[in-house]
Amino acid sequence: MNHRRYITRAPAICGGEPIVAGTRVTLRTVLSSLAEGMAPEAIVADFPSLTEASVRAVNCLRCRVCRGRPAVARHRQIPDLA
């Protein structure tokens, strides 16, 4: 999955925290919802600017980071994690 399409960060948006591209929803928010056991459909219902694909991309990135892959970069887009 190409995470660049779904995840970005910019200093002027949400203090530079990683966000779902095209929204002001932080990865922290999506990850917290997933950790509480919410289904992607329920998260999308709570945050209509998200798509199920973007929620899955956040979860896939979490899995990659937990396996020791590179974390989110400090610039606008994350590196290619393929």
Protein backbone atom coordinates (compact mmCIF):
# COMPACT_ATOMS: atom_id res chain seq x y z
CA MET A 1 0.00 0.00 0.00
CA ASN A 2 1.32 3.45 -0.91
CA HIS A 3 1.06 5.38 2.36
CA ARG A 4 2.09 8.67 0.74
CA ARG A 5 -1.35 8.87 -0.74
CA TYR A 6 -2.97 8.77 2.70
CA ILE A 7 -0.58 10.22 5.28
CA THR A 8 1.26 13.52 5.36
CA ARG A 9 2.41 16.23 7.74
CA ALA A 10 2.81 19.97 7.44
CA PRO A 11 3.96 22.46 10.10
CA ALA A 12 0.90 24.67 9.54
CA ILE A 13 -1.62 21.85 10.10
CA CYS A 14 -2.21 20.37 13.56
CA GLY A 15 1.19 21.58 14.76
CA GLY A 16 3.02 19.36 12.28
CA GLU A 17 1.60 16.09 13.61
CA PRO A 18 1.09 13.39 10.98
CA ILE A 19 -2.42 13.63 9.54
CA VAL A 20 -4.59 11.81 7.07
CA ALA A 21 -4.00 13.67 3.79
CA GLY A 22 -6.71 16.16 2.88
CA THR A 23 -8.06 16.28 6.44
CA ARG A 24 -7.22 17.69 9.84
CA VAL A 25 -7.54 14.26 11.46
CA THR A 26 -4.30 13.20 13.14
CA LEU A 27 -2.92 9.70 13.03
CA ARG A 28 -3.02 9.78 16.83
CA THR A 29 -6.81 10.23 16.67
CA VAL A 30 -7.29 7.33 14.25
CA LEU A 31 -4.91 5.08 16.19
CA SER A 32 -6.68 5.87 19.47
CA SER A 33 -10.01 4.94 17.91
CA LEU A 34 -8.59 1.67 16.59
CA ALA A 35 -7.05 0.92 20.00
CA GLU A 36 -10.48 1.37 21.59
CA GLY A 37 -11.74 -1.36 19.29
CA MET A 38 -13.65 0.79 16.82
CA ALA A 39 -14.18 -0.69 13.38
CA PRO A 40 -12.98 1.33 10.37
CA GLU A 41 -16.62 1.90 9.38
CA ALA A 42 -17.37 3.44 12.77
CA ILE A 43 -14.32 5.69 12.56
CA VAL A 44 -15.42 6.90 9.13
CA ALA A 45 -18.88 7.57 10.55
CA ASP A 46 -17.31 9.71 13.30
CA PHE A 47 -14.91 11.46 10.89
CA PRO A 48 -16.66 11.80 7.50
CA SER A 49 -13.56 13.32 5.90
CA LEU A 50 -11.86 9.91 6.23
CA THR A 51 -12.31 6.87 4.03
CA GLU A 52 -12.06 3.24 5.02
CA ALA A 53 -8.95 3.04 2.83
CA SER A 54 -7.29 5.88 4.75
CA VAL A 55 -8.09 4.21 8.09
CA ARG A 56 -6.62 0.95 6.79
CA ALA A 57 -3.50 2.84 5.64
CA VAL A 58 -3.02 4.26 9.15
CA ASN A 59 -3.41 0.80 10.65
CA CYS A 60 -0.97 -0.70 8.13
CA LEU A 61 1.60 1.97 8.97
CA ARG A 62 1.16 1.20 12.67
CA CYS A 63 1.84 -2.47 11.96
CA ARG A 64 4.97 -1.64 9.97
CA VAL A 65 6.33 0.64 12.69
CA CYS A 66 5.64 -1.99 15.35
CA ARG A 67 7.70 -4.44 13.29
CA GLY A 68 10.66 -2.04 13.32
CA ARG A 69 10.15 -0.42 9.94
CA PRO A 70 10.80 3.35 9.51
CA ALA A 71 8.49 5.70 11.37
CA VAL A 72 6.80 8.74 9.89
CA ALA A 73 9.29 11.19 8.41
CA ARG A 74 9.74 14.75 9.66
CA HIS A 75 8.78 16.28 6.34
CA ARG A 76 5.57 16.62 4.32
CA GLN A 77 5.34 12.99 3.24
CA ILE A 78 6.42 9.74 4.77
CA PRO A 79 9.09 7.67 3.04
CA ASP A 80 8.16 4.81 0.76
CA LEU A 81 7.71 1.86 3.10
CA ALA A 82 7.19 -0.77 0.44
